[in-house]
Amino acid sequence: MAEKMFTASAVAEGGRNGHVKSENGLIDHKLVMPQGKESSSDGTNPEQLFAAGYAACFDGALNLIASKANKEIDSKIEAEVSLLKDPEDDGFKIGVTLHVSVNGVSQADAEELAEKAHEFCPYSKATRGNIDVDLKVKAE
């Protein structure tokens, strides 16, 4: 295993109708089943938590890649994490669409920065070859 730079931990109990809490207590949520196309206001679900983490990580990677390219940008990432039916085992899998909005560069530059960020981002590396990730990039 490579050298550890940081470790975060959280404990989940009760599955999708349970509770999740991070070691520092900042994440402390009731877990609920997704409500079809709507999100429940009673709690969160693993897909929302994954979307929040992926969006934050990707935005960090994008801004690092932009700074290394001497590009000043403002960015916003919306991660849509979908629970999909998996026909291979009649179970479930996830898919991700990353909506990448980049201000301060051309469309071509925004697309290049997003592709490089996708190669660099730890979440993208972790999911590569395991789930489909669709990048939707827009220069604004």
N, C-alpha and C. Protein backbone atom coordinates (compact mmCIF):
# COMPACT_ATOMS: atom_id res chain seq x y z
N MET A 1 0.86 -1.19 0.00
CA MET A 1 0.00 0.00 0.00
C MET A 1 0.89 1.24 0.00
N ALA A 2 0.46 2.25 -0.71
CA ALA A 2 1.19 3.52 -0.79
C ALA A 2 1.14 4.23 0.56
N GLU A 3 1.99 5.24 0.69
CA GLU A 3 2.05 6.03 1.92
C GLU A 3 0.71 6.74 2.15
N LYS A 4 0.16 6.60 3.35
CA LYS A 4 -1.10 7.27 3.68
C LYS A 4 -0.83 8.75 3.94
N MET A 5 -1.62 9.59 3.28
CA MET A 5 -1.53 11.04 3.46
C MET A 5 -2.60 11.53 4.43
N PHE A 6 -3.71 10.82 4.49
CA PHE A 6 -4.85 11.24 5.30
C PHE A 6 -5.80 10.07 5.39
N THR A 7 -6.47 9.93 6.53
CA THR A 7 -7.50 8.91 6.69
C THR A 7 -8.72 9.54 7.32
N ALA A 8 -9.86 9.31 6.73
CA ALA A 8 -11.14 9.74 7.30
C ALA A 8 -11.92 8.48 7.65
N SER A 9 -12.79 8.59 8.62
CA SER A 9 -13.61 7.43 8.95
C SER A 9 -15.02 7.87 9.31
N ALA A 10 -15.92 6.97 9.05
CA ALA A 10 -17.32 7.17 9.40
C ALA A 10 -17.89 5.81 9.75
N VAL A 11 -18.91 5.82 10.56
CA VAL A 11 -19.58 4.58 10.97
C VAL A 11 -21.03 4.65 10.51
N ALA A 12 -21.46 3.58 9.84
CA ALA A 12 -22.86 3.46 9.43
C ALA A 12 -23.46 2.26 10.15
N GLU A 13 -24.68 2.44 10.60
CA GLU A 13 -25.42 1.35 11.24
C GLU A 13 -26.83 1.34 10.68
N GLY A 14 -27.39 0.17 10.50
CA GLY A 14 -28.78 0.06 10.08
C GLY A 14 -29.03 0.12 8.60
N GLY A 15 -27.94 0.09 7.80
CA GLY A 15 -28.11 0.10 6.35
C GLY A 15 -28.79 1.36 5.85
N ARG A 16 -29.63 1.21 4.84
CA ARG A 16 -30.28 2.37 4.21
C ARG A 16 -31.38 2.98 5.06
N ASN A 17 -31.73 2.36 6.15
CA ASN A 17 -32.69 2.94 7.09
C ASN A 17 -32.03 3.10 8.45
N GLY A 18 -30.80 3.60 8.43
CA GLY A 18 -30.02 3.69 9.64
C GLY A 18 -29.47 5.07 9.91
N HIS A 19 -28.18 5.11 10.20
CA HIS A 19 -27.53 6.34 10.61
C HIS A 19 -26.06 6.28 10.20
N VAL A 20 -25.50 7.44 9.85
CA VAL A 20 -24.08 7.53 9.52
C VAL A 20 -23.49 8.72 10.27
N LYS A 21 -22.28 8.54 10.79
CA LYS A 21 -21.62 9.62 11.54
C LYS A 21 -20.12 9.55 11.30
N SER A 22 -19.53 10.72 11.01
CA SER A 22 -18.08 10.80 10.83
C SER A 22 -17.38 10.87 12.18
N GLU A 23 -16.08 10.62 12.15
CA GLU A 23 -15.31 10.59 13.39
C GLU A 23 -15.32 11.93 14.13
N ASN A 24 -15.46 13.04 13.40
CA ASN A 24 -15.48 14.35 14.05
C ASN A 24 -16.90 14.85 14.32
N GLY A 25 -17.91 14.08 13.93
CA GLY A 25 -19.29 14.43 14.20
C GLY A 25 -19.91 15.45 13.26
N LEU A 26 -19.13 15.98 12.30
CA LEU A 26 -19.70 16.97 11.37
C LEU A 26 -20.69 16.33 10.40
N ILE A 27 -20.44 15.09 10.05
CA ILE A 27 -21.43 14.32 9.30
C ILE A 27 -22.15 13.46 10.32
N ASP A 28 -23.42 13.68 10.47
CA ASP A 28 -24.21 12.98 11.48
C ASP A 28 -25.64 12.96 10.96
N HIS A 29 -25.95 11.93 10.14
CA HIS A 29 -27.22 11.94 9.41
C HIS A 29 -28.00 10.64 9.56
N LYS A 30 -29.30 10.81 9.57
CA LYS A 30 -30.22 9.69 9.44
C LYS A 30 -30.16 9.25 7.99
N LEU A 31 -30.14 7.96 7.75
CA LEU A 31 -30.17 7.41 6.39
C LEU A 31 -31.59 6.95 6.07
N VAL A 32 -32.02 7.26 4.86
CA VAL A 32 -33.35 6.85 4.40
C VAL A 32 -33.24 6.29 2.99
N MET A 33 -34.21 5.50 2.63
CA MET A 33 -34.28 4.96 1.27
C MET A 33 -34.57 6.10 0.30
N PRO A 34 -33.94 6.07 -0.89
CA PRO A 34 -34.29 7.06 -1.91
C PRO A 34 -35.78 6.95 -2.23
N GLN A 35 -36.39 8.07 -2.52
CA GLN A 35 -37.82 8.12 -2.81
C GLN A 35 -38.06 8.26 -4.31
N GLY A 36 -37.66 7.28 -5.08
CA GLY A 36 -37.84 7.36 -6.53
C GLY A 36 -36.98 8.48 -7.09
N LYS A 37 -37.59 9.37 -7.84
CA LYS A 37 -36.85 10.49 -8.44
C LYS A 37 -36.66 11.64 -7.45
N GLU A 38 -37.37 11.60 -6.35
CA GLU A 38 -37.30 12.68 -5.36
C GLU A 38 -36.41 12.25 -4.20
N SER A 39 -35.76 13.23 -3.58
CA SER A 39 -34.99 12.98 -2.38
C SER A 39 -35.88 13.21 -1.18
N SER A 40 -35.64 12.45 -0.14
CA SER A 40 -36.41 12.62 1.08
C SER A 40 -35.83 13.76 1.89
N SER A 41 -36.69 14.51 2.56
CA SER A 41 -36.22 15.58 3.43
C SER A 41 -36.00 15.06 4.85
N ASP A 42 -36.30 13.78 5.08
CA ASP A 42 -36.14 13.19 6.41
C ASP A 42 -34.72 12.73 6.69
N GLY A 43 -33.90 12.60 5.67
CA GLY A 43 -32.54 12.11 5.85
C GLY A 43 -31.83 12.08 4.52
N THR A 44 -30.67 11.49 4.52
CA THR A 44 -29.86 11.41 3.31
C THR A 44 -29.72 9.95 2.90
N ASN A 45 -28.99 9.71 1.83
CA ASN A 45 -28.75 8.34 1.38
C ASN A 45 -27.30 8.25 0.89
N PRO A 46 -26.79 7.04 0.73
CA PRO A 46 -25.40 6.88 0.31
C PRO A 46 -25.07 7.58 -1.01
N GLU A 47 -26.03 7.64 -1.92
CA GLU A 47 -25.78 8.29 -3.20
C GLU A 47 -25.54 9.79 -3.04
N GLN A 48 -26.31 10.43 -2.17
CA GLN A 48 -26.09 11.86 -1.90
C GLN A 48 -24.72 12.09 -1.26
N LEU A 49 -24.35 11.24 -0.34
CA LEU A 49 -23.06 11.38 0.32
C LEU A 49 -21.92 11.18 -0.68
N PHE A 50 -22.06 10.20 -1.55
CA PHE A 50 -21.05 9.96 -2.58
C PHE A 50 -20.98 11.15 -3.55
N ALA A 51 -22.14 11.69 -3.93
CA ALA A 51 -22.19 12.84 -4.83
C ALA A 51 -21.47 14.04 -4.22
N ALA A 52 -21.69 14.29 -2.94
CA ALA A 52 -21.04 15.41 -2.27
C ALA A 52 -19.53 15.23 -2.25
N GLY A 53 -19.07 14.03 -1.92
CA GLY A 53 -17.64 13.77 -1.89
C GLY A 53 -16.99 13.86 -3.26
N TYR A 54 -17.64 13.29 -4.27
CA TYR A 54 -17.08 13.30 -5.61
C TYR A 54 -17.03 14.72 -6.15
N ALA A 55 -18.10 15.50 -5.96
CA ALA A 55 -18.12 16.88 -6.46
C ALA A 55 -17.01 17.70 -5.81
N ALA A 56 -16.84 17.56 -4.51
CA ALA A 56 -15.81 18.33 -3.81
C ALA A 56 -14.41 17.92 -4.25
N CYS A 57 -14.18 16.62 -4.37
CA CYS A 57 -12.86 16.12 -4.77
C CYS A 57 -12.54 16.55 -6.21
N PHE A 58 -13.52 16.42 -7.11
CA PHE A 58 -13.29 16.78 -8.50
C PHE A 58 -13.02 18.26 -8.64
N ASP A 59 -13.75 19.09 -7.89
CA ASP A 59 -13.53 20.53 -7.96
C ASP A 59 -12.13 20.89 -7.47
N GLY A 60 -11.67 20.21 -6.42
CA GLY A 60 -10.31 20.43 -5.96
C GLY A 60 -9.28 20.05 -7.02
N ALA A 61 -9.49 18.91 -7.66
CA ALA A 61 -8.58 18.46 -8.71
C ALA A 61 -8.59 19.43 -9.89
N LEU A 62 -9.77 19.88 -10.29
CA LEU A 62 -9.90 20.82 -11.40
C LEU A 62 -9.15 22.11 -11.11
N ASN A 63 -9.31 22.64 -9.93
CA ASN A 63 -8.63 23.90 -9.58
C ASN A 63 -7.12 23.72 -9.48
N LEU A 64 -6.66 22.57 -9.02
CA LEU A 64 -5.22 22.30 -8.98
C LEU A 64 -4.66 22.22 -10.41
N ILE A 65 -5.35 21.48 -11.28
CA ILE A 65 -4.90 21.35 -12.67
C ILE A 65 -4.89 22.73 -13.35
N ALA A 66 -5.91 23.54 -13.10
CA ALA A 66 -5.98 24.89 -13.70
C ALA A 66 -4.82 25.75 -13.19
N SER A 67 -4.53 25.69 -11.91
CA SER A 67 -3.44 26.52 -11.37
C SER A 67 -2.10 26.10 -11.95
N LYS A 68 -1.91 24.81 -12.15
CA LYS A 68 -0.65 24.32 -12.75
C LYS A 68 -0.53 24.76 -14.21
N ALA A 69 -1.68 25.01 -14.86
CA ALA A 69 -1.69 25.48 -16.25
C ALA A 69 -1.73 27.01 -16.31
N ASN A 70 -1.56 27.66 -15.17
CA ASN A 70 -1.61 29.13 -15.08
C ASN A 70 -2.93 29.70 -15.60
N LYS A 71 -4.02 29.00 -15.29
CA LYS A 71 -5.36 29.46 -15.67
C LYS A 71 -6.10 29.85 -14.39
N GLU A 72 -6.68 31.05 -14.41
CA GLU A 72 -7.51 31.48 -13.29
C GLU A 72 -8.95 31.16 -13.62
N ILE A 73 -9.56 30.32 -12.81
CA ILE A 73 -10.93 29.89 -13.07
C ILE A 73 -11.78 30.03 -11.82
N ASP A 74 -13.07 30.06 -12.05
CA ASP A 74 -14.08 29.82 -11.02
C ASP A 74 -14.83 28.59 -11.52
N SER A 75 -15.11 27.68 -10.62
CA SER A 75 -15.75 26.45 -11.07
C SER A 75 -16.85 26.02 -10.11
N LYS A 76 -17.74 25.22 -10.67
CA LYS A 76 -18.81 24.60 -9.89
C LYS A 76 -19.02 23.21 -10.46
N ILE A 77 -19.08 22.22 -9.58
CA ILE A 77 -19.30 20.84 -10.00
C ILE A 77 -20.60 20.35 -9.40
N GLU A 78 -21.47 19.82 -10.24
CA GLU A 78 -22.65 19.12 -9.76
C GLU A 78 -22.47 17.65 -10.11
N ALA A 79 -22.44 16.81 -9.08
CA ALA A 79 -22.33 15.37 -9.30
C ALA A 79 -23.72 14.76 -9.15
N GLU A 80 -24.18 14.13 -10.21
CA GLU A 80 -25.44 13.37 -10.17
C GLU A 80 -25.06 11.91 -10.04
N VAL A 81 -25.41 11.30 -8.94
CA VAL A 81 -25.13 9.89 -8.72
C VAL A 81 -26.45 9.14 -8.80
N SER A 82 -26.54 8.24 -9.75
CA SER A 82 -27.78 7.49 -9.98
C SER A 82 -27.63 6.05 -9.53
N LEU A 83 -28.66 5.55 -8.91
CA LEU A 83 -28.75 4.13 -8.59
C LEU A 83 -29.40 3.46 -9.79
N LEU A 84 -28.69 2.53 -10.39
CA LEU A 84 -29.13 1.88 -11.63
C LEU A 84 -29.40 0.40 -11.39
N LYS A 85 -30.31 -0.14 -12.15
CA LYS A 85 -30.55 -1.58 -12.14
C LYS A 85 -29.38 -2.26 -12.85
N ASP A 86 -28.84 -3.31 -12.27
CA ASP A 86 -27.73 -4.05 -12.87
C ASP A 86 -28.25 -5.37 -13.43
N PRO A 87 -28.38 -5.46 -14.75
CA PRO A 87 -28.94 -6.68 -15.35
C PRO A 87 -28.04 -7.90 -15.19
N GLU A 88 -26.76 -7.69 -14.91
CA GLU A 88 -25.84 -8.83 -14.77
C GLU A 88 -26.16 -9.70 -13.57
N ASP A 89 -26.59 -9.09 -12.46
CA ASP A 89 -26.89 -9.89 -11.27
C ASP A 89 -28.26 -9.56 -10.68
N ASP A 90 -29.06 -8.80 -11.43
CA ASP A 90 -30.38 -8.36 -10.99
C ASP A 90 -30.30 -7.53 -9.71
N GLY A 91 -29.15 -6.92 -9.49
CA GLY A 91 -28.95 -6.05 -8.33
C GLY A 91 -28.91 -4.60 -8.77
N PHE A 92 -27.99 -3.87 -8.16
CA PHE A 92 -27.89 -2.44 -8.44
C PHE A 92 -26.45 -2.05 -8.67
N LYS A 93 -26.26 -0.92 -9.34
CA LYS A 93 -24.95 -0.32 -9.52
C LYS A 93 -25.16 1.19 -9.59
N ILE A 94 -24.07 1.94 -9.59
CA ILE A 94 -24.23 3.38 -9.68
C ILE A 94 -23.59 3.91 -10.95
N GLY A 95 -24.09 5.05 -11.39
CA GLY A 95 -23.54 5.79 -12.51
C GLY A 95 -23.44 7.24 -12.09
N VAL A 96 -22.51 7.96 -12.68
CA VAL A 96 -22.27 9.35 -12.30
C VAL A 96 -22.24 10.24 -13.53
N THR A 97 -22.89 11.38 -13.44
CA THR A 97 -22.73 12.46 -14.40
C THR A 97 -22.16 13.64 -13.63
N LEU A 98 -21.01 14.14 -14.10
CA LEU A 98 -20.41 15.33 -13.51
C LEU A 98 -20.67 16.51 -14.42
N HIS A 99 -21.43 17.48 -13.92
CA HIS A 99 -21.69 18.72 -14.64
C HIS A 99 -20.61 19.70 -14.18
N VAL A 100 -19.70 20.03 -15.08
CA VAL A 100 -18.54 20.85 -14.77
C VAL A 100 -18.72 22.22 -15.40
N SER A 101 -18.91 23.23 -14.57
CA SER A 101 -19.05 24.61 -15.05
C SER A 101 -17.75 25.35 -14.73
N VAL A 102 -17.16 25.96 -15.77
CA VAL A 102 -15.87 26.63 -15.61
C VAL A 102 -15.98 28.04 -16.17
N ASN A 103 -15.69 29.02 -15.34
CA ASN A 103 -15.63 30.42 -15.77
C ASN A 103 -14.18 30.83 -15.93
N GLY A 104 -13.91 31.64 -16.96
CA GLY A 104 -12.57 32.21 -17.13
C GLY A 104 -11.74 31.60 -18.23
N VAL A 105 -12.27 30.59 -18.91
CA VAL A 105 -11.53 29.96 -20.01
C VAL A 105 -12.50 29.63 -21.15
N SER A 106 -11.94 29.30 -22.30
CA SER A 106 -12.76 28.91 -23.45
C SER A 106 -13.36 27.52 -23.23
N GLN A 107 -14.31 27.16 -24.07
CA GLN A 107 -14.91 25.82 -23.99
C GLN A 107 -13.85 24.75 -24.18
N ALA A 108 -12.96 24.94 -25.14
CA ALA A 108 -11.90 23.95 -25.39
C ALA A 108 -10.99 23.80 -24.18
N ASP A 109 -10.61 24.93 -23.57
CA ASP A 109 -9.76 24.87 -22.38
C ASP A 109 -10.50 24.22 -21.21
N ALA A 110 -11.78 24.53 -21.06
CA ALA A 110 -12.57 23.94 -19.98
C ALA A 110 -12.63 22.43 -20.13
N GLU A 111 -12.83 21.96 -21.36
CA GLU A 111 -12.89 20.52 -21.61
C GLU A 111 -11.54 19.85 -21.34
N GLU A 112 -10.46 20.51 -21.75
CA GLU A 112 -9.12 19.95 -21.50
C GLU A 112 -8.82 19.90 -20.01
N LEU A 113 -9.14 20.95 -19.28
CA LEU A 113 -8.91 20.96 -17.83
C LEU A 113 -9.74 19.89 -17.14
N ALA A 114 -11.00 19.74 -17.56
CA ALA A 114 -11.87 18.73 -16.95
C ALA A 114 -11.35 17.32 -17.21
N GLU A 115 -10.89 17.05 -18.43
CA GLU A 115 -10.35 15.72 -18.74
C GLU A 115 -9.10 15.43 -17.90
N LYS A 116 -8.23 16.44 -17.76
CA LYS A 116 -7.02 16.26 -16.94
C LYS A 116 -7.39 16.07 -15.48
N ALA A 117 -8.39 16.81 -15.01
CA ALA A 117 -8.85 16.64 -13.63
C ALA A 117 -9.42 15.24 -13.42
N HIS A 118 -10.12 14.73 -14.44
CA HIS A 118 -10.71 13.40 -14.35
C HIS A 118 -9.61 12.33 -14.27
N GLU A 119 -8.48 12.56 -14.90
CA GLU A 119 -7.35 11.63 -14.80
C GLU A 119 -6.68 11.71 -13.43
N PHE A 120 -6.73 12.89 -12.79
CA PHE A 120 -6.00 13.15 -11.55
C PHE A 120 -6.84 12.91 -10.28
N CYS A 121 -8.13 13.18 -10.34
CA CYS A 121 -9.00 13.13 -9.16
C CYS A 121 -9.02 11.74 -8.52
N PRO A 122 -8.77 11.65 -7.20
CA PRO A 122 -8.81 10.35 -6.53
C PRO A 122 -10.14 9.61 -6.67
N TYR A 123 -11.26 10.31 -6.66
CA TYR A 123 -12.56 9.64 -6.85
C TYR A 123 -12.65 9.07 -8.26
N SER A 124 -12.19 9.83 -9.25
CA SER A 124 -12.21 9.34 -10.62
C SER A 124 -11.32 8.12 -10.77
N LYS A 125 -10.15 8.16 -10.12
CA LYS A 125 -9.27 6.99 -10.16
C LYS A 125 -9.93 5.78 -9.51
N ALA A 126 -10.59 6.00 -8.39
CA ALA A 126 -11.21 4.89 -7.65
C ALA A 126 -12.35 4.25 -8.43
N THR A 127 -13.05 5.05 -9.23
CA THR A 127 -14.21 4.53 -9.94
C THR A 127 -13.90 4.07 -11.36
N ARG A 128 -12.73 4.45 -11.88
CA ARG A 128 -12.38 4.14 -13.27
C ARG A 128 -12.46 2.63 -13.53
N GLY A 129 -13.21 2.29 -14.55
CA GLY A 129 -13.37 0.88 -14.91
C GLY A 129 -14.44 0.17 -14.10
N ASN A 130 -14.99 0.84 -13.08
CA ASN A 130 -16.00 0.23 -12.23
C ASN A 130 -17.40 0.80 -12.45
N ILE A 131 -17.47 2.10 -12.71
CA ILE A 131 -18.75 2.74 -12.98
C ILE A 131 -18.59 3.68 -14.16
N ASP A 132 -19.69 3.95 -14.82
CA ASP A 132 -19.67 4.91 -15.92
C ASP A 132 -19.72 6.32 -15.34
N VAL A 133 -18.79 7.17 -15.78
CA VAL A 133 -18.77 8.58 -15.39
C VAL A 133 -18.84 9.39 -16.67
N ASP A 134 -19.87 10.23 -16.77
CA ASP A 134 -20.08 11.08 -17.93
C ASP A 134 -19.75 12.51 -17.55
N LEU A 135 -18.80 13.11 -18.26
CA LEU A 135 -18.43 14.52 -18.03
C LEU A 135 -19.23 15.41 -18.96
N LYS A 136 -19.92 16.38 -18.39
CA LYS A 136 -20.64 17.40 -19.15
C LYS A 136 -20.01 18.73 -18.79
N VAL A 137 -19.19 19.27 -19.70
CA VAL A 137 -18.38 20.45 -19.42
C VAL A 137 -18.96 21.66 -20.14
N LYS A 138 -19.03 22.77 -19.40
CA LYS A 138 -19.55 24.01 -19.98
C LYS A 138 -18.70 25.18 -19.50
N ALA A 139 -18.14 25.91 -20.44
CA ALA A 139 -17.44 27.16 -20.12
C ALA A 139 -18.49 28.25 -20.02
N GLU A 140 -18.42 29.04 -18.98
CA GLU A 140 -19.44 30.09 -18.80
C GLU A 140 -18.79 31.44 -18.74
